[in-house]
Amino acid sequence: MFTDKDLIQIKAHGLTPQGVEKQMENFRRGFGFLPVDRAAVAGDGIRIFDKEQMDRFSDIYTERSRTARIVKFVPASGAATRMFKELFEFVNGGKRGKGIDPLLENIGRFAFWPELKKAVGDEQDPVKIVSAIVGKGLDYGSKPKALILFHKYADGSRTAAEEHLVEGALYAEAGGRVNIHFTVSPEHRAEFDALMERVLPRYEELYGVKFRIDYSVQKPGTDTIAVTPGNEPFREADGSLLFRPAGHGALIENLNEIDADLIFIKTVDNVAPDRLKADTVAYKKALAGLLVQLQEEAFALLETLDRVGADDDLNREIAGFLEEELSCRLPENYTQMTTEARSTLLRSLLDRPIRVCGMVRNEGEPGGGPFWVNEPGGAQSLQIAESSQIAPAQAELMKRATHFNPVDLVCGVKDYKGRKFDLLRYVDESTGFISSKSKDGRELKAQELPGLWNGAMARWNTLFVEVPISTFSPVKVVNDLLRPQHQ
């Protein structure tokens, strides 16, 4: 299937012929649907904190943060092309979509208006104004969302990246330091560096902290080959193979390289202005406090297991903890196992990375939902599933989902001996998916790796907690910045 020239290209991309053959087989075979049992709801997979729990878990996290290494992980790769899709269609094709008039009528309400005003002056031509947003002027059409001005303040406007700095200072500070890790595209790194050099001194003085900003790029070795509709390698005009980034699931490799006790994960566009940050900060601390408490209990059980060995009483205690606290349903044949086999199984279930995920009440926004998923042998676990992972025959389950995932995670990635987990061991590779794309007017099929907070974390211990809708304010299209929560 592959020529000598192909093999050279595959190697240069950081891939192996065997790995690419496996990707080809995925195209031919396809990916199965997730074996979903039911939607997780309040009282059955989703916890709801009362005020006493909020305060207690927040205190637990505050105490732990004095000695922990904490990192805020922000996937910020790629240009904001979809955010400005309608604007490009207006400028390049003359299509006046329904969002163009509201944008022009409210242009002065955008945080980027003062900068845009400098570029367009007294220009009245709508095409030239919109063109200055996405092209020569602000050049937002080629920038990542992190570098776009989102919110106005009395002392100036802030980019999405700056709002993450502020959030980090409010809930991810440890020992006077705030560690933030952005995943970026190589072509945008210089702009990130320039922004940070300009703004960090001001935020460090304002919040009395020191920031450490780290970056990583999505590894070329995680890219996947594109194929034709007939599942043959898609070739460019010069005969070369086409490889494409495999979605945010590839970032599990980046996350795996971070040395931290606790990692907060949040998408780059889900930020609120200062007047609405209180709920976000409160719940971030509470989610982290729950994680710390459960992690400490799990560690104590594992240490006891090391000391005592296989023991029926200890097995009962661990099994109860897994089912009652970690929402893990044991396989049906558990009661028929020997004491030693039970201990081995319980250790494998308990000694895993752990994540606590905020879940928002479903108010019609798109997003993956929380579900109970069937595992081999009658076991069940909690998973975040996208609609594409649900079989058409189970579509009704999506309608029953009362919550969805706003990508609000706190992760514990070290084991009870203080060693980092190899996160790649906990990926469910069967949960990738195939999508239809095009290149130069030609149809192709693309393959995405299991999503970062979906299949890439499928084998983690997972907890779902309801968080208020006020913590969720994504910006998917530019006019979302006109919503009240961004004004």
Protein backbone atom coordinates (compact mmCIF):
# COMPACT_ATOMS: atom_id res chain seq x y z
CA MET A 1 0.00 0.00 0.00
CA PHE A 2 2.83 2.40 0.81
CA THR A 3 5.70 3.34 -1.48
CA ASP A 4 9.27 3.97 -0.39
CA LYS A 5 8.52 7.70 -0.60
CA ASP A 6 5.47 7.15 1.66
CA LEU A 7 7.58 5.32 4.23
CA ILE A 8 10.04 8.20 4.36
CA GLN A 9 7.16 10.65 4.87
CA ILE A 10 5.60 8.46 7.58
CA LYS A 11 8.89 8.26 9.47
CA ALA A 12 9.50 12.01 9.13
CA HIS A 13 6.05 12.60 10.65
CA GLY A 14 7.00 10.63 13.76
CA LEU A 15 4.75 7.71 12.85
CA THR A 16 5.40 4.07 12.04
CA PRO A 17 4.06 2.01 9.10
CA GLN A 18 2.41 -0.33 11.62
CA GLY A 19 0.68 2.60 13.34
CA VAL A 20 -0.60 3.98 10.05
CA GLU A 21 -1.78 0.50 9.01
CA LYS A 22 -3.75 0.36 12.27
CA GLN A 23 -5.33 3.71 11.43
CA MET A 24 -6.26 2.36 7.99
CA GLU A 25 -7.87 -0.65 9.61
CA ASN A 26 -9.91 1.69 11.84
CA PHE A 27 -11.25 3.37 8.69
CA ARG A 28 -12.18 0.02 7.17
CA ARG A 29 -13.72 -1.41 10.32
CA GLY A 30 -15.12 1.78 11.83
CA PHE A 31 -15.58 2.51 15.52
CA GLY A 32 -18.37 1.01 17.53
CA PHE A 33 -20.83 2.95 19.65
CA LEU A 34 -20.36 3.35 23.38
CA PRO A 35 -22.32 0.69 25.34
CA VAL A 36 -24.38 3.26 27.23
CA ASP A 37 -26.77 2.02 29.90
CA ARG A 38 -28.46 5.23 31.07
CA ALA A 39 -27.91 8.93 31.57
CA ALA A 40 -26.30 9.97 34.84
CA VAL A 41 -28.66 12.21 36.78
CA ALA A 42 -28.79 13.83 40.21
CA GLY A 43 -28.70 11.06 42.78
CA ASP A 44 -27.59 8.48 40.23
CA GLY A 45 -24.10 9.47 39.15
CA ILE A 46 -24.27 13.25 39.68
CA ARG A 47 -23.67 14.83 43.06
CA ILE A 48 -25.12 18.13 44.18
CA PHE A 49 -23.21 20.07 46.83
CA ASP A 50 -24.96 21.86 49.66
CA LYS A 51 -23.39 24.90 51.34
CA GLU A 52 -21.78 22.84 54.08
CA GLN A 53 -20.10 20.60 51.49
CA MET A 54 -18.99 23.60 49.44
CA ASP A 55 -17.31 25.13 52.46
CA ARG A 56 -15.77 21.87 53.66
CA PHE A 57 -14.34 20.83 50.30
CA SER A 58 -13.06 24.33 49.67
CA ASP A 59 -11.22 24.25 53.00
CA ILE A 60 -9.74 20.84 52.17
CA TYR A 61 -8.43 22.17 48.86
CA THR A 62 -7.07 25.36 50.44
CA GLU A 63 -5.11 23.30 52.94
CA ARG A 64 -3.79 20.95 50.25
CA SER A 65 -2.80 23.82 47.96
CA ARG A 66 -0.23 24.98 50.49
CA THR A 67 2.03 22.06 49.58
CA ALA A 68 0.72 20.75 46.25
CA ARG A 69 2.01 21.48 42.79
CA ILE A 70 -0.99 22.78 40.85
CA VAL A 71 -1.24 23.41 37.12
CA LYS A 72 -4.03 25.00 35.08
CA PHE A 73 -4.09 23.28 31.67
CA VAL A 74 -5.67 25.27 28.82
CA PRO A 75 -6.03 23.71 25.35
CA ALA A 76 -5.48 26.81 23.20
CA SER A 77 -4.24 25.41 19.89
CA GLY A 78 -5.48 26.38 16.50
CA ALA A 79 -6.96 29.41 14.80
CA ALA A 80 -10.47 30.64 15.66
CA THR A 81 -11.68 29.92 12.13
CA ARG A 82 -15.10 28.59 13.20
CA MET A 83 -15.65 31.59 15.45
CA PHE A 84 -15.47 33.86 12.39
CA LYS A 85 -16.90 31.51 9.74
CA GLU A 86 -19.88 33.76 9.01
CA LEU A 87 -17.61 36.79 8.70
CA PHE A 88 -15.39 35.03 6.17
CA GLU A 89 -18.45 34.05 4.13
CA PHE A 90 -19.57 37.70 4.09
CA VAL A 91 -16.17 39.06 3.08
CA ASN A 92 -15.22 36.38 0.55
CA GLY A 93 -18.57 35.34 -0.87
CA GLY A 94 -20.95 38.17 -0.13
CA LYS A 95 -23.21 35.93 1.94
CA ARG A 96 -24.93 38.12 4.53
CA GLY A 97 -25.69 35.59 7.25
CA LYS A 98 -28.05 36.33 10.12
CA GLY A 99 -25.18 37.30 12.41
CA ILE A 100 -23.72 40.08 10.27
CA ASP A 101 -26.30 42.79 10.99
CA PRO A 102 -26.25 42.25 14.79
CA LEU A 103 -22.46 42.39 14.68
CA LEU A 104 -22.40 45.68 12.77
CA GLU A 105 -25.22 47.23 14.81
CA ASN A 106 -23.42 46.42 18.07
CA ILE A 107 -19.84 46.84 16.92
CA GLY A 108 -19.08 49.34 19.67
CA ARG A 109 -19.98 46.79 22.37
CA PHE A 110 -17.14 44.42 21.49
CA ALA A 111 -14.01 44.55 23.60
CA PHE A 112 -11.94 44.71 20.43
CA TRP A 113 -13.76 47.81 19.11
CA PRO A 114 -11.10 50.37 20.20
CA GLU A 115 -8.43 48.38 18.31
CA LEU A 116 -10.74 47.91 15.33
CA LYS A 117 -11.52 51.63 15.33
CA LYS A 118 -7.84 52.38 14.92
CA ALA A 119 -7.76 50.14 11.87
CA VAL A 120 -10.94 51.33 10.12
CA GLY A 121 -11.21 54.95 11.26
CA ASP A 122 -14.49 56.44 9.98
CA GLU A 123 -15.03 53.66 7.42
CA GLN A 124 -18.73 52.90 6.86
CA ASP A 125 -18.51 50.10 4.30
CA PRO A 126 -19.71 46.91 6.08
CA VAL A 127 -17.46 44.65 4.00
CA LYS A 128 -14.37 46.68 4.83
CA ILE A 129 -15.24 46.77 8.55
CA VAL A 130 -15.80 43.02 8.73
CA SER A 131 -12.71 42.43 6.60
CA ALA A 132 -10.65 44.39 9.13
CA ILE A 133 -11.80 42.02 11.88
CA VAL A 134 -10.78 38.79 10.16
CA GLY A 135 -8.06 40.12 7.85
CA LYS A 136 -5.70 43.05 7.61
CA GLY A 137 -6.41 45.05 10.73
CA LEU A 138 -7.06 42.79 13.72
CA ASP A 139 -6.27 39.62 11.73
CA TYR A 140 -8.52 37.63 14.07
CA GLY A 141 -9.28 35.11 11.35
CA SER A 142 -5.81 33.63 11.75
CA LYS A 143 -5.38 34.07 15.51
CA PRO A 144 -6.27 31.53 18.22
CA LYS A 145 -9.18 32.38 20.53
CA ALA A 146 -6.72 32.87 23.39
CA LEU A 147 -5.37 36.02 21.75
CA ILE A 148 -8.72 37.65 20.96
CA LEU A 149 -9.99 40.49 23.15
CA PHE A 150 -13.03 39.14 24.98
CA HIS A 151 -13.99 41.56 27.77
CA LYS A 152 -13.95 45.30 28.48
CA TYR A 153 -12.74 46.81 31.75
CA ALA A 154 -12.22 50.33 32.97
CA ASP A 155 -8.46 49.95 32.54
CA GLY A 156 -8.63 48.27 29.12
CA SER A 157 -9.74 45.04 27.47
CA ARG A 158 -8.57 41.50 28.18
CA THR A 159 -7.90 38.58 25.89
CA ALA A 160 -9.22 35.12 26.71
CA ALA A 161 -5.68 34.12 27.73
CA GLU A 162 -5.56 36.99 30.25
CA GLU A 163 -8.85 35.86 31.77
CA HIS A 164 -7.24 32.46 32.36
CA LEU A 165 -4.36 34.21 34.13
CA VAL A 166 -6.84 35.91 36.44
CA GLU A 167 -8.74 32.68 37.06
CA GLY A 168 -5.47 30.95 37.83
CA ALA A 169 -4.57 33.59 40.41
CA LEU A 170 -7.97 33.13 42.07
CA TYR A 171 -8.07 29.34 42.45
CA ALA A 172 -4.86 27.69 41.19
CA GLU A 173 -2.30 29.56 43.30
CA ALA A 174 0.04 27.50 45.45
CA GLY A 175 2.82 29.02 47.51
CA GLY A 176 2.48 32.35 45.76
CA ARG A 177 2.95 30.78 42.32
CA VAL A 178 0.47 30.14 39.52
CA ASN A 179 1.42 27.55 36.89
CA ILE A 180 -0.49 27.76 33.61
CA HIS A 181 0.12 25.49 30.65
CA PHE A 182 -1.19 26.47 27.22
CA THR A 183 -1.18 24.08 24.27
CA VAL A 184 -0.42 26.23 21.24
CA SER A 185 0.31 25.95 17.54
CA PRO A 186 3.94 26.70 16.62
CA GLU A 187 2.93 29.61 14.40
CA HIS A 188 1.24 31.36 17.33
CA ARG A 189 3.93 30.87 19.97
CA ALA A 190 5.64 34.22 19.35
CA GLU A 191 2.35 36.07 19.81
CA PHE A 192 1.72 34.28 23.11
CA ASP A 193 5.21 35.19 24.29
CA ALA A 194 4.70 38.84 23.33
CA LEU A 195 1.35 39.02 25.12
CA MET A 196 2.72 37.47 28.30
CA GLU A 197 5.76 39.70 28.34
CA ARG A 198 3.46 42.71 28.12
CA VAL A 199 0.77 41.75 30.66
CA LEU A 200 2.33 39.47 33.28
CA PRO A 201 3.94 42.24 35.38
CA ARG A 202 0.57 43.95 35.76
CA TYR A 203 -1.29 40.79 36.83
CA GLU A 204 1.51 39.73 39.16
CA GLU A 205 1.31 43.08 40.91
CA LEU A 206 -2.48 43.09 40.94
CA TYR A 207 -2.85 39.61 42.50
CA GLY A 208 0.40 39.34 44.44
CA VAL A 209 1.53 36.14 42.71
CA LYS A 210 4.22 34.95 40.34
CA PHE A 211 3.14 33.28 37.11
CA ARG A 212 4.95 30.47 35.39
CA ILE A 213 3.69 30.03 31.85
CA ASP A 214 4.53 26.83 29.95
CA TYR A 215 3.63 25.81 26.43
CA SER A 216 3.47 22.63 24.39
CA VAL A 217 2.40 21.81 20.87
CA GLN A 218 0.28 18.94 19.61
CA LYS A 219 2.73 16.26 18.58
CA PRO A 220 2.92 15.47 14.84
CA GLY A 221 3.20 11.81 15.82
CA THR A 222 -0.43 11.93 16.98
CA ASP A 223 -1.68 12.97 13.52
CA THR A 224 -3.76 10.49 11.55
CA ILE A 225 -3.76 9.66 7.87
CA ALA A 226 -6.65 10.86 5.70
CA VAL A 227 -8.36 8.48 3.28
CA THR A 228 -10.67 8.66 0.30
CA PRO A 229 -14.34 7.71 0.63
CA GLY A 230 -13.21 4.27 -0.60
CA ASN A 231 -10.71 3.96 2.29
CA GLU A 232 -7.61 4.36 0.12
CA PRO A 233 -4.84 6.77 1.26
CA PHE A 234 -5.75 10.33 0.30
CA ARG A 235 -2.96 11.81 -1.77
CA GLU A 236 -2.07 15.43 -2.42
CA ALA A 237 -1.54 16.73 -5.97
CA ASP A 238 2.15 15.84 -5.71
CA GLY A 239 1.35 12.28 -4.68
CA SER A 240 2.23 12.71 -0.99
CA LEU A 241 0.08 11.37 1.82
CA LEU A 242 -2.16 13.71 3.79
CA PHE A 243 -1.93 13.64 7.59
CA ARG A 244 -4.30 15.64 9.77
CA PRO A 245 -4.33 16.65 13.45
CA ALA A 246 -6.39 14.05 15.31
CA GLY A 247 -8.47 16.35 17.50
CA HIS A 248 -8.07 17.34 21.15
CA GLY A 249 -7.68 13.70 22.14
CA ALA A 250 -4.07 13.99 20.96
CA LEU A 251 -3.45 16.32 23.90
CA ILE A 252 -3.47 13.39 26.34
CA GLU A 253 0.21 13.15 25.33
CA ASN A 254 0.77 16.76 26.39
CA LEU A 255 -1.13 16.25 29.63
CA ASN A 256 0.91 13.12 30.31
CA GLU A 257 4.11 15.16 30.41
CA ILE A 258 2.95 17.60 33.08
CA ASP A 259 4.39 17.02 36.54
CA ALA A 260 1.70 18.12 39.00
CA ASP A 261 -0.37 16.88 41.91
CA LEU A 262 -3.57 18.55 40.70
CA ILE A 263 -4.40 19.73 37.19
CA PHE A 264 -7.36 21.97 36.35
CA ILE A 265 -8.59 21.68 32.74
CA LYS A 266 -10.81 24.22 31.04
CA THR A 267 -11.34 25.20 27.41
CA VAL A 268 -9.87 28.51 26.32
CA ASP A 269 -13.15 30.20 25.33
CA ASN A 270 -15.09 29.44 28.52
CA VAL A 271 -14.21 32.51 30.58
CA ALA A 272 -16.29 35.13 32.33
CA PRO A 273 -15.54 38.75 33.27
CA ASP A 274 -14.57 39.50 36.85
CA ARG A 275 -18.11 40.35 37.96
CA LEU A 276 -19.18 36.74 37.22
CA LYS A 277 -16.10 34.81 38.36
CA ALA A 278 -17.19 34.12 41.95
CA ASP A 279 -19.17 30.95 41.17
CA THR A 280 -16.39 29.59 38.97
CA VAL A 281 -13.78 30.11 41.69
CA ALA A 282 -15.99 28.65 44.45
CA TYR A 283 -16.85 25.52 42.51
CA LYS A 284 -13.32 24.96 41.22
CA LYS A 285 -12.09 24.88 44.81
CA ALA A 286 -14.93 22.61 45.92
CA LEU A 287 -14.41 20.16 43.05
CA ALA A 288 -10.71 20.01 43.88
CA GLY A 289 -11.46 19.52 47.56
CA LEU A 290 -13.68 16.53 46.80
CA LEU A 291 -10.91 15.06 44.66
CA VAL A 292 -8.33 15.54 47.42
CA GLN A 293 -10.57 13.90 50.03
CA LEU A 294 -11.35 10.87 47.86
CA GLN A 295 -7.76 10.57 46.74
CA GLU A 296 -6.51 10.54 50.31
CA GLU A 297 -9.03 7.83 51.25
CA ALA A 298 -8.04 5.75 48.21
CA PHE A 299 -4.35 6.14 49.02
CA ALA A 300 -4.92 4.98 52.61
CA LEU A 301 -6.75 1.88 51.37
CA LEU A 302 -3.98 1.04 48.91
CA GLU A 303 -1.33 1.45 51.59
CA THR A 304 -3.32 -0.87 53.87
CA LEU A 305 -3.63 -3.38 51.03
CA ASP A 306 0.16 -3.30 50.64
CA ARG A 307 0.57 -3.96 54.34
CA VAL A 308 -2.20 -6.51 54.95
CA GLY A 309 -2.44 -8.27 51.59
CA ALA A 310 -5.52 -10.15 50.40
CA ASP A 311 -8.12 -9.99 53.17
CA ASP A 312 -11.91 -10.39 53.05
CA ASP A 313 -12.66 -7.55 55.48
CA LEU A 314 -10.38 -5.17 53.59
CA ASN A 315 -11.88 -6.26 50.28
CA ARG A 316 -15.35 -5.40 51.57
CA GLU A 317 -14.13 -1.97 52.67
CA ILE A 318 -12.47 -1.24 49.32
CA ALA A 319 -15.45 -2.55 47.35
CA GLY A 320 -17.79 -0.35 49.36
CA PHE A 321 -15.58 2.69 48.76
CA LEU A 322 -15.41 2.03 45.03
CA GLU A 323 -19.16 1.65 44.67
CA GLU A 324 -20.37 4.29 47.11
CA GLU A 325 -17.72 6.99 46.67
CA LEU A 326 -16.18 6.43 43.24
CA SER A 327 -19.36 5.36 41.41
CA CYS A 328 -17.74 2.14 40.19
CA ARG A 329 -20.05 -0.86 39.69
CA LEU A 330 -18.22 -4.18 40.16
CA PRO A 331 -18.61 -7.05 37.68
CA GLU A 332 -21.35 -9.61 38.26
CA ASN A 333 -18.92 -12.45 38.98
CA TYR A 334 -17.16 -10.52 41.76
CA THR A 335 -18.83 -12.55 44.50
CA GLN A 336 -17.63 -15.80 42.90
CA MET A 337 -13.98 -14.72 42.89
CA THR A 338 -11.38 -15.92 45.38
CA THR A 339 -10.13 -13.51 48.02
CA GLU A 340 -6.87 -13.06 46.12
CA ALA A 341 -8.62 -12.42 42.80
CA ARG A 342 -10.91 -9.86 44.43
CA SER A 343 -7.92 -8.02 45.91
CA THR A 344 -6.19 -7.94 42.54
CA LEU A 345 -9.30 -6.58 40.81
CA LEU A 346 -9.97 -4.00 43.52
CA ARG A 347 -6.38 -2.76 43.40
CA SER A 348 -6.58 -2.32 39.62
CA LEU A 349 -9.81 -0.31 39.96
CA LEU A 350 -8.62 1.82 42.85
CA ASP A 351 -5.08 2.60 41.68
CA ARG A 352 -6.00 4.85 38.75
CA PRO A 353 -5.97 8.54 37.83
CA ILE A 354 -8.99 10.35 39.21
CA ARG A 355 -11.02 13.27 37.86
CA VAL A 356 -13.90 15.30 39.20
CA CYS A 357 -15.99 16.85 36.44
CA GLY A 358 -18.39 19.75 36.74
CA MET A 359 -21.73 19.15 34.99
CA VAL A 360 -24.13 21.92 33.98
CA ARG A 361 -27.91 21.60 33.75
CA ASN A 362 -28.86 21.07 30.13
CA GLU A 363 -30.36 24.26 28.74
CA GLY A 364 -29.95 23.45 25.07
CA GLU A 365 -26.23 24.15 24.67
CA PRO A 366 -24.22 21.56 22.71
CA GLY A 367 -21.84 19.37 24.63
CA GLY A 368 -21.09 15.83 25.73
CA GLY A 369 -23.25 14.33 28.43
CA PRO A 370 -22.68 12.20 31.54
CA PHE A 371 -23.65 8.54 31.21
CA TRP A 372 -23.36 5.18 32.90
CA VAL A 373 -21.48 2.90 30.50
CA ASN A 374 -21.49 -0.90 30.57
CA GLU A 375 -18.12 -2.56 31.01
CA PRO A 376 -17.20 -6.23 30.44
CA GLY A 377 -18.72 -8.68 32.90
CA GLY A 378 -21.59 -6.47 33.98
CA ALA A 379 -19.45 -3.71 35.52
CA GLN A 380 -20.35 -0.04 34.96
CA SER A 381 -18.45 3.23 35.00
CA LEU A 382 -19.21 6.91 34.54
CA GLN A 383 -18.19 8.40 31.20
CA ILE A 384 -18.59 11.64 29.26
CA ALA A 385 -20.11 10.73 25.89
CA GLU A 386 -20.64 12.82 22.76
CA SER A 387 -23.78 12.36 20.67
CA SER A 388 -21.69 10.74 17.92
CA GLN A 389 -20.80 7.95 20.36
CA ILE A 390 -24.44 7.02 21.02
CA ALA A 391 -26.07 4.47 18.72
CA PRO A 392 -29.11 5.80 16.79
CA ALA A 393 -31.26 3.17 18.51
CA GLN A 394 -30.33 4.77 21.86
CA ALA A 395 -30.84 8.37 20.75
CA GLU A 396 -33.62 8.69 23.30
CA LEU A 397 -30.98 8.46 26.03
CA MET A 398 -29.49 11.77 24.90
CA LYS A 399 -32.90 13.40 25.43
CA ARG A 400 -33.02 12.03 28.97
CA ALA A 401 -29.68 13.54 29.88
CA THR A 402 -30.37 16.34 32.36
CA HIS A 403 -26.78 17.65 32.29
CA PHE A 404 -23.94 18.18 29.86
CA ASN A 405 -20.19 18.55 30.09
CA PRO A 406 -18.80 22.11 29.98
CA VAL A 407 -15.19 20.81 30.15
CA ASP A 408 -14.67 21.69 33.80
CA LEU A 409 -12.26 19.13 35.22
CA VAL A 410 -9.91 18.68 38.14
CA CYS A 411 -7.48 15.80 37.75
CA GLY A 412 -5.30 13.79 40.11
CA VAL A 413 -2.54 12.18 38.06
CA LYS A 414 -0.20 10.71 40.70
CA ASP A 415 -0.49 7.40 42.50
CA TYR A 416 -0.37 6.65 46.22
CA LYS A 417 3.42 6.43 46.12
CA GLY A 418 3.75 9.87 44.53
CA ARG A 419 4.57 8.55 41.08
CA LYS A 420 3.02 9.93 37.92
CA PHE A 421 0.53 7.67 36.22
CA ASP A 422 1.23 6.88 32.57
CA LEU A 423 -2.02 8.37 31.31
CA LEU A 424 -1.70 6.64 27.93
CA ARG A 425 -2.48 3.33 29.68
CA TYR A 426 -5.98 4.54 30.55
CA VAL A 427 -7.15 5.47 27.04
CA ASP A 428 -9.97 3.49 25.43
CA GLU A 429 -8.68 3.37 21.85
CA SER A 430 -11.98 1.97 20.59
CA THR A 431 -13.70 5.33 21.16
CA GLY A 432 -12.20 7.29 18.27
CA PHE A 433 -14.47 8.37 15.45
CA ILE A 434 -14.52 9.02 11.70
CA SER A 435 -15.65 12.33 10.18
CA SER A 436 -16.19 13.60 6.64
CA LYS A 437 -14.00 16.48 5.47
CA SER A 438 -12.71 17.91 2.20
CA LYS A 439 -9.42 19.14 0.80
CA ASP A 440 -9.11 21.22 -2.37
CA GLY A 441 -12.69 20.35 -3.23
CA ARG A 442 -12.13 16.60 -2.82
CA GLU A 443 -13.98 14.54 -0.22
CA LEU A 444 -11.98 12.68 2.39
CA LYS A 445 -12.46 10.79 5.64
CA ALA A 446 -10.59 11.88 8.74
CA GLN A 447 -9.97 10.02 11.97
CA GLU A 448 -9.96 11.59 15.41
CA LEU A 449 -8.42 10.06 18.49
CA PRO A 450 -10.56 9.42 21.58
CA GLY A 451 -11.46 12.87 22.95
CA LEU A 452 -9.33 14.26 25.77
CA TRP A 453 -12.18 14.22 28.32
CA ASN A 454 -14.02 11.33 26.61
CA GLY A 455 -12.25 8.13 25.58
CA ALA A 456 -8.79 9.40 26.46
CA MET A 457 -9.87 9.39 30.13
CA ALA A 458 -12.23 6.42 29.89
CA ARG A 459 -10.29 4.29 32.38
CA TRP A 460 -9.96 7.00 35.03
CA ASN A 461 -12.01 7.02 38.20
CA THR A 462 -14.65 9.65 37.46
CA LEU A 463 -16.96 11.76 39.62
CA PHE A 464 -19.67 14.10 38.33
CA VAL A 465 -20.80 17.16 40.29
CA GLU A 466 -23.47 19.68 39.31
CA VAL A 467 -22.12 23.19 38.80
CA PRO A 468 -24.22 26.30 38.09
CA ILE A 469 -24.82 27.55 34.55
CA SER A 470 -23.05 30.76 35.57
CA THR A 471 -19.76 28.85 35.32
CA PHE A 472 -20.37 28.15 31.63
CA SER A 473 -20.05 30.96 29.09
CA PRO A 474 -18.40 29.61 25.93
CA VAL A 475 -17.68 31.69 22.86
CA LYS A 476 -18.32 29.56 19.78
CA VAL A 477 -19.13 32.39 17.36
CA VAL A 478 -18.08 36.02 17.60
CA ASN A 479 -21.58 37.28 18.45
CA ASP A 480 -21.51 35.18 21.62
CA LEU A 481 -19.41 38.03 22.98
CA LEU A 482 -22.58 40.16 22.87
CA ARG A 483 -24.30 37.88 25.39
CA PRO A 484 -24.95 39.47 28.80
CA GLN A 485 -22.38 37.21 30.50
CA HIS A 486 -19.62 38.71 28.34
CA GLN A 487 -20.64 42.35 28.68
